[in-house]
Protein backbone atom coordinates (compact mmCIF):
# COMPACT_ATOMS: atom_id res chain seq x y z
CA MET A 1 199.33 139.41 134.33
CA PRO A 2 196.04 140.28 136.06
CA ASP A 3 194.68 137.62 138.41
CA SER A 4 191.08 138.31 137.39
CA THR A 5 189.48 136.35 134.56
CA LEU A 6 188.36 138.17 131.44
CA ARG A 7 184.86 136.99 130.57
CA ILE A 8 183.67 136.84 126.96
CA GLY A 9 179.93 136.73 126.38
CA LEU A 10 178.79 134.46 123.55
CA VAL A 11 175.34 135.91 123.03
CA LEU A 12 172.48 133.63 121.96
CA PRO A 13 174.48 130.88 120.25
CA ASP A 14 171.29 128.78 120.30
CA VAL A 15 169.62 131.10 117.77
CA MET A 16 172.45 133.33 116.42
CA GLY A 17 174.94 130.63 115.50
CA THR A 18 173.96 129.55 111.99
CA TYR A 19 177.37 130.08 110.38
CA GLY A 20 179.75 128.97 113.12
CA ASP A 21 180.41 132.52 114.29
CA GLY A 22 180.73 131.26 117.85
CA GLY A 23 184.31 130.59 116.82
CA ASN A 24 185.00 134.30 117.32
CA ALA A 25 184.63 133.90 121.08
CA LEU A 26 187.04 130.94 120.96
CA ILE A 27 189.61 133.04 119.13
CA LEU A 28 189.39 135.83 121.70
CA ARG A 29 189.79 133.37 124.56
CA GLN A 30 192.74 131.59 122.95
CA ARG A 31 194.61 134.77 122.08
CA LEU A 32 194.24 135.90 125.67
CA ARG A 33 195.41 132.57 127.11
CA MET A 34 198.43 132.48 124.82
CA ARG A 35 199.48 135.79 126.37
CA GLY A 36 199.06 134.51 129.91
CA TYR A 37 195.66 136.00 130.70
CA LYS A 38 192.86 134.04 132.31
CA ALA A 39 189.78 133.98 130.08
CA GLU A 40 186.48 132.17 129.89
CA ILE A 41 183.45 132.13 127.59
CA VAL A 42 180.04 132.77 129.11
CA GLU A 43 177.25 131.37 126.92
CA ILE A 44 174.03 133.40 127.09
CA THR A 45 171.04 131.53 125.67
CA LEU A 46 167.34 132.31 125.38
CA ASN A 47 167.01 130.89 128.91
CA ASP A 48 169.32 133.54 130.35
CA PRO A 49 169.12 137.28 130.99
CA VAL A 50 171.98 139.13 129.30
CA PRO A 51 174.53 140.20 131.94
CA GLU A 52 175.91 143.71 131.64
CA THR A 53 179.10 142.95 133.58
CA LEU A 54 181.09 140.89 131.06
CA ASP A 55 184.27 142.21 129.45
CA ALA A 56 183.47 141.56 125.78
CA TYR A 57 180.58 140.19 123.72
CA THR A 58 180.17 138.40 120.39
CA LEU A 59 177.01 137.69 118.36
CA GLY A 60 176.65 135.65 115.19
CA GLY A 61 174.46 135.27 112.13
CA ALA A 62 170.94 133.86 111.83
CA GLU A 63 167.86 133.56 109.67
CA ASP A 64 164.68 135.68 109.91
CA SER A 65 162.86 133.65 112.56
CA ALA A 66 165.95 133.46 114.77
CA GLN A 67 166.56 137.18 114.38
CA ARG A 68 163.09 137.86 115.77
CA LEU A 69 163.79 135.70 118.82
CA ALA A 70 167.11 137.44 119.39
CA THR A 71 165.58 140.89 119.01
CA ARG A 72 162.85 140.16 121.54
CA HIS A 73 165.34 138.70 124.00
CA LEU A 74 167.79 141.60 123.80
CA SER A 75 164.93 144.06 124.17
CA ARG A 76 163.63 142.26 127.25
CA TYR A 77 167.09 141.89 128.81
CA PRO A 78 169.11 145.02 127.83
CA GLY A 79 172.38 143.98 129.47
CA LEU A 80 174.20 144.13 126.14
CA GLN A 81 173.06 147.70 125.56
CA ARG A 82 174.22 148.73 129.03
CA ALA A 83 177.57 147.02 128.59
CA ALA A 84 178.17 148.87 125.31
CA GLU A 85 177.25 152.15 126.97
CA ARG A 86 180.12 151.69 129.44
CA GLY A 87 182.49 150.82 126.60
CA ALA A 88 182.61 147.01 126.58
CA PRO A 89 183.56 145.82 123.07
CA VAL A 90 180.82 144.08 121.08
CA LEU A 91 181.38 142.14 117.85
CA ALA A 92 178.23 141.70 115.75
CA ILE A 93 178.33 139.40 112.72
CA CYS A 94 175.91 139.56 109.76
CA ALA A 95 172.31 139.31 111.04
CA ALA A 96 173.48 140.61 114.41
CA ILE A 97 174.12 143.97 112.73
CA GLN A 98 170.48 144.02 111.73
CA VAL A 99 169.22 143.04 115.19
CA LEU A 100 171.33 145.77 116.80
CA GLY A 101 170.14 148.36 114.27
CA ASN A 102 167.10 150.63 114.23
CA TRP A 103 165.03 148.28 112.07
CA TYR A 104 165.38 145.48 109.57
CA GLU A 105 163.03 144.22 106.90
CA THR A 106 162.37 140.50 106.58
CA SER A 107 162.33 138.58 103.32
CA ASN A 108 158.54 138.87 103.19
CA GLY A 109 158.66 142.66 103.54
CA GLU A 110 157.78 143.05 107.22
CA ARG A 111 159.68 145.72 109.11
CA VAL A 112 160.92 144.71 112.56
CA ALA A 113 162.25 147.19 115.13
CA GLY A 114 165.77 146.45 116.33
CA VAL A 115 167.37 147.40 119.63
CA SER A 116 168.95 150.62 118.22
CA MET A 117 172.52 150.06 119.38
CA LEU A 118 173.62 150.85 115.83
CA ASP A 119 172.31 153.69 113.69
CA VAL A 120 171.64 151.43 110.71
CA THR A 121 168.65 150.09 108.79
CA THR A 122 168.54 146.95 106.65
CA ALA A 123 166.30 145.92 103.76
CA PRO A 124 166.56 142.96 101.34
CA GLN A 125 168.73 143.31 98.26
CA ALA A 126 167.54 142.17 94.85
CA THR A 127 170.07 139.33 94.91
CA ARG A 128 171.94 137.50 97.65
CA SER A 129 175.61 138.35 98.23
CA ILE A 130 177.68 135.18 98.52
CA GLY A 131 181.44 134.82 98.28
CA GLU A 132 184.78 136.07 99.49
CA VAL A 133 185.06 139.70 100.55
CA VAL A 134 188.26 141.68 101.06
CA THR A 135 188.34 145.18 102.50
CA ALA A 136 190.68 148.02 103.43
CA PRO A 137 189.95 149.07 107.02
CA GLN A 138 189.15 152.68 107.81
CA THR A 139 188.93 152.29 111.57
CA GLY A 140 191.61 153.42 113.99
CA GLY A 141 193.83 150.60 115.20
CA LEU A 142 193.48 148.54 112.02
CA THR A 143 196.14 148.67 109.31
CA GLN A 144 195.89 145.30 107.52
CA PRO A 145 193.33 144.16 104.92
CA LEU A 146 190.33 142.28 106.29
CA SER A 147 188.85 139.18 104.69
CA GLY A 148 185.83 136.98 105.21
CA PHE A 149 183.02 135.08 103.56
CA GLU A 150 179.79 136.99 103.06
CA ASN A 151 176.42 135.28 102.73
CA HIS A 152 173.53 137.69 103.13
CA ARG A 153 170.65 139.30 101.30
CA GLY A 154 170.34 142.30 103.58
CA GLY A 155 171.50 145.70 102.40
CA THR A 156 172.53 147.87 105.35
CA THR A 157 172.42 151.66 105.23
CA LEU A 158 174.45 153.61 107.77
CA GLY A 159 172.93 156.56 109.59
CA ALA A 160 174.66 159.72 110.78
CA ASP A 161 175.95 158.18 114.02
CA ALA A 162 177.54 155.13 112.38
CA ARG A 163 180.60 154.78 110.17
CA GLY A 164 181.90 151.99 107.98
CA LEU A 165 184.38 149.46 109.31
CA ALA A 166 186.19 149.19 105.97
CA ARG A 167 186.03 149.92 102.25
CA VAL A 168 185.41 146.99 99.91
CA THR A 169 188.15 146.02 97.48
CA HIS A 170 186.61 142.67 96.50
CA GLY A 171 183.04 141.49 97.07
CA VAL A 172 179.86 143.34 98.01
CA GLY A 173 179.98 144.42 101.64
CA ASN A 174 176.97 146.24 103.06
CA GLY A 175 175.14 145.90 99.77
CA VAL A 176 173.77 149.41 99.23
CA GLY A 177 176.32 150.69 96.73
CA ASP A 178 178.34 152.89 99.08
CA GLY A 179 181.45 150.71 98.86
CA LEU A 180 181.49 150.10 102.60
CA GLU A 181 181.65 146.91 104.65
CA GLY A 182 180.50 146.69 108.25
CA VAL A 183 179.81 149.36 110.81
CA VAL A 184 181.47 150.94 113.83
CA GLN A 185 179.63 152.90 116.48
CA GLY A 186 181.02 153.45 119.96
CA SER A 187 182.39 150.14 121.22
CA VAL A 188 180.32 148.09 118.75
CA ILE A 189 181.90 146.65 115.60
CA GLY A 190 179.69 144.93 113.03
CA THR A 191 180.71 143.06 109.90
CA TYR A 192 179.16 140.72 107.33
CA MET A 193 182.36 138.66 107.31
CA HIS A 194 182.07 135.05 108.39
CA GLY A 195 185.06 132.79 108.62
CA PRO A 196 184.99 133.11 111.66
CA ALA A 197 186.08 136.71 111.11
CA LEU A 198 188.55 136.81 113.99
CA ALA A 199 190.34 133.65 112.87
CA ARG A 200 191.02 135.34 109.56
CA ASN A 201 191.72 138.79 110.97
CA PRO A 202 193.88 138.62 114.11
CA GLU A 203 194.44 142.37 114.14
CA LEU A 204 190.70 142.86 114.55
CA ALA A 205 190.66 140.29 117.36
CA ASP A 206 193.45 142.13 119.16
CA LEU A 207 191.68 145.47 118.73
CA LEU A 208 188.71 144.06 120.63
CA LEU A 209 190.98 142.58 123.27
CA LYS A 210 192.82 145.85 123.83
CA GLN A 211 189.47 147.56 124.35
CA ALA A 212 188.36 144.86 126.79
CA LEU A 213 191.62 145.02 128.76
CA GLY A 214 191.96 148.78 128.63
CA VAL A 215 195.50 148.62 127.22
CA ASP A 216 197.21 150.23 124.24
CA GLU A 217 199.43 147.29 123.32
CA LEU A 218 199.47 143.49 123.51
CA ALA A 219 202.39 141.11 123.27
CA SER A 220 202.80 139.85 119.71
CA LEU A 221 202.03 136.22 118.86
CA ASP A 222 204.12 134.18 116.44
CA LEU A 223 201.50 132.10 114.63
CA PRO A 224 202.71 131.24 111.11
CA GLU A 225 199.62 129.13 110.40
CA VAL A 226 197.43 132.18 110.95
CA GLU A 227 199.53 134.21 108.52
CA GLN A 228 199.33 131.38 105.99
CA LEU A 229 195.53 131.39 106.28
CA ARG A 230 195.48 135.15 105.79
CA ARG A 231 197.63 134.97 102.67
CA GLU A 232 195.44 132.25 101.17
CA ARG A 233 192.19 134.08 101.87
CA LEU A 234 193.47 137.42 100.57
CA ARG A 235 194.33 135.86 97.20
CA VAL A 236 190.83 136.03 95.72
């Protein structure tokens, strides 16, 4: 195994951690360690510039005021953008999709410019989407159904440069009637699935890890409790 330590950036957990999505970074670290890799989580708060040299990045959900803080910080310190440009994997959950998009509209109708890492725009839906969501992935490297818990009012429209992560089989997804859930663009994957998403979807976790490591395959992990969780969550 490589002697170097793979570093996972947990981006702005102080403002983008409303739904416990910081657990995604923990899952990445643990799945690496169980395979014999050295791994650590680097927390990046509002007091820190965003480093562009980390191996992978995760961002979580937030409310309107926190989204504004995150947007300003990522615009001021564009390390995340530069990391994605060189191909570092980025996982964006819920409101993070909106922050990384071209613009998002707040609940009071104000339009806020995002950081334009994703060719998406987001505006409020008429009703909030809350509940279990199950999807069929349409992204290379993913073959198993994805599941999560969605809790958002934003409806996200994909532009020409973005494509959907998966097609909804149960739940709402992106909320604009196109039947899609999440977004993929370059090395960035966005989803409205909480859970944390990577605890419920180990194949997605390993896809990110393979990108971070620059490998085509990873040793399999025998984790029956993870499979039990998946079976339970897919029975909605």
